[in-house]
């Protein structure tokens, strides 16, 4: 489980922005966009162990 550090309202706002960005990227570029976003966010976290934890958590229950 990932520690919650953002409010539900903020998380909903992030989700909406992310969904809009995926739509703007289009079906042919959505994977590239998500990879670039993941790497950008990983540099902000700057903790490989936490990034690995997020990856594994995101893979659960797909």
C-alpha atoms as a PDB file:
ATOM      1  CA  UNK A   1       0.000   0.000   0.000  1.00  0.00           C
ATOM      2  CA  UNK A   2       1.142   3.538  -0.743  1.00  0.00           C
ATOM      3  CA  UNK A   3       1.036   6.178   1.978  1.00  0.00           C
ATOM      4  CA  UNK A   4      -1.602   8.802   1.210  1.00  0.00           C
ATOM      5  CA  UNK A   5      -0.024  12.263   1.155  1.00  0.00           C
ATOM      6  CA  UNK A   6      -2.648  14.129  -0.877  1.00  0.00           C
ATOM      7  CA  UNK A   7      -6.264  14.933  -0.075  1.00  0.00           C
ATOM      8  CA  UNK A   8      -9.091  13.151  -1.868  1.00  0.00           C
ATOM      9  CA  UNK A   9     -10.175  16.428  -3.484  1.00  0.00           C
ATOM     10  CA  UNK A  10      -6.644  17.067  -4.766  1.00  0.00           C
ATOM     11  CA  UNK A  11      -6.383  13.477  -5.991  1.00  0.00           C
ATOM     12  CA  UNK A  12      -9.630  13.879  -7.928  1.00  0.00           C
ATOM     13  CA  UNK A  13      -8.278  17.071  -9.510  1.00  0.00           C
ATOM     14  CA  UNK A  14      -5.056  15.268 -10.453  1.00  0.00           C
ATOM     15  CA  UNK A  15      -7.061  12.370 -11.914  1.00  0.00           C
ATOM     16  CA  UNK A  16      -9.134  14.739 -14.040  1.00  0.00           C
ATOM     17  CA  UNK A  17      -6.058  16.564 -15.326  1.00  0.00           C
ATOM     18  CA  UNK A  18      -4.339  13.260 -16.082  1.00  0.00           C
ATOM     19  CA  UNK A  19      -7.375  11.900 -17.939  1.00  0.00           C
ATOM     20  CA  UNK A  20      -7.561  15.059 -20.046  1.00  0.00           C
ATOM     21  CA  UNK A  21      -3.842  14.871 -20.830  1.00  0.00           C
ATOM     22  CA  UNK A  22      -4.130  11.222 -21.900  1.00  0.00           C
ATOM     23  CA  UNK A  23      -6.988  12.199 -24.210  1.00  0.00           C
ATOM     24  CA  UNK A  24      -4.923  15.069 -25.649  1.00  0.00           C
ATOM     25  CA  UNK A  25      -1.979  12.739 -26.269  1.00  0.00           C
ATOM     26  CA  UNK A  26      -4.219  10.514 -28.380  1.00  0.00           C
ATOM     27  CA  UNK A  27      -4.348   6.758 -28.795  1.00  0.00           C
ATOM     28  CA  UNK A  28      -1.112   6.653 -30.770  1.00  0.00           C
ATOM     29  CA  UNK A  29       0.911   8.549 -28.132  1.00  0.00           C
ATOM     30  CA  UNK A  30      -0.770   7.725 -24.810  1.00  0.00           C
ATOM     31  CA  UNK A  31       1.843   5.128 -23.802  1.00  0.00           C
ATOM     32  CA  UNK A  32       4.694   7.479 -24.664  1.00  0.00           C
ATOM     33  CA  UNK A  33       3.034  10.265 -22.661  1.00  0.00           C
ATOM     34  CA  UNK A  34       2.571   7.990 -19.631  1.00  0.00           C
ATOM     35  CA  UNK A  35       6.194   6.828 -19.819  1.00  0.00           C
ATOM     36  CA  UNK A  36       7.452  10.425 -20.010  1.00  0.00           C
ATOM     37  CA  UNK A  37       5.178  11.470 -17.152  1.00  0.00           C
ATOM     38  CA  UNK A  38       6.333   8.534 -15.027  1.00  0.00           C
ATOM     39  CA  UNK A  39       9.977   9.432 -15.554  1.00  0.00           C
ATOM     40  CA  UNK A  40       9.325  13.128 -14.836  1.00  0.00           C
ATOM     41  CA  UNK A  41       7.505  12.293 -11.598  1.00  0.00           C
ATOM     42  CA  UNK A  42      10.245   9.811 -10.655  1.00  0.00           C
ATOM     43  CA  UNK A  43      12.853  12.566 -10.856  1.00  0.00           C
ATOM     44  CA  UNK A  44      10.704  14.639  -8.508  1.00  0.00           C
ATOM     45  CA  UNK A  45      10.483  11.795  -5.992  1.00  0.00           C
ATOM     46  CA  UNK A  46      14.218  11.037  -6.332  1.00  0.00           C
ATOM     47  CA  UNK A  47      13.865   7.775  -4.379  1.00  0.00           C
ATOM     48  CA  UNK A  48      14.175   4.598  -6.475  1.00  0.00           C
ATOM     49  CA  UNK A  49      12.666   2.450  -3.713  1.00  0.00           C
ATOM     50  CA  UNK A  50       9.527   4.606  -3.517  1.00  0.00           C
ATOM     51  CA  UNK A  51       9.223   4.604  -7.307  1.00  0.00           C
ATOM     52  CA  UNK A  52       9.514   0.799  -7.314  1.00  0.00           C
ATOM     53  CA  UNK A  53       6.822   0.631  -4.614  1.00  0.00           C
ATOM     54  CA  UNK A  54       4.520   2.790  -6.739  1.00  0.00           C
ATOM     55  CA  UNK A  55       5.159   0.620  -9.801  1.00  0.00           C
ATOM     56  CA  UNK A  56       4.312  -2.568  -7.939  1.00  0.00           C
ATOM     57  CA  UNK A  57       1.223  -1.016  -6.340  1.00  0.00           C
ATOM     58  CA  UNK A  58       0.019   0.169  -9.735  1.00  0.00           C
ATOM     59  CA  UNK A  59       0.420  -3.300 -11.237  1.00  0.00           C
ATOM     60  CA  UNK A  60      -1.846  -4.853  -8.616  1.00  0.00           C
ATOM     61  CA  UNK A  61      -5.434  -5.561  -9.601  1.00  0.00           C
ATOM     62  CA  UNK A  62      -5.189  -4.301 -13.194  1.00  0.00           C
END
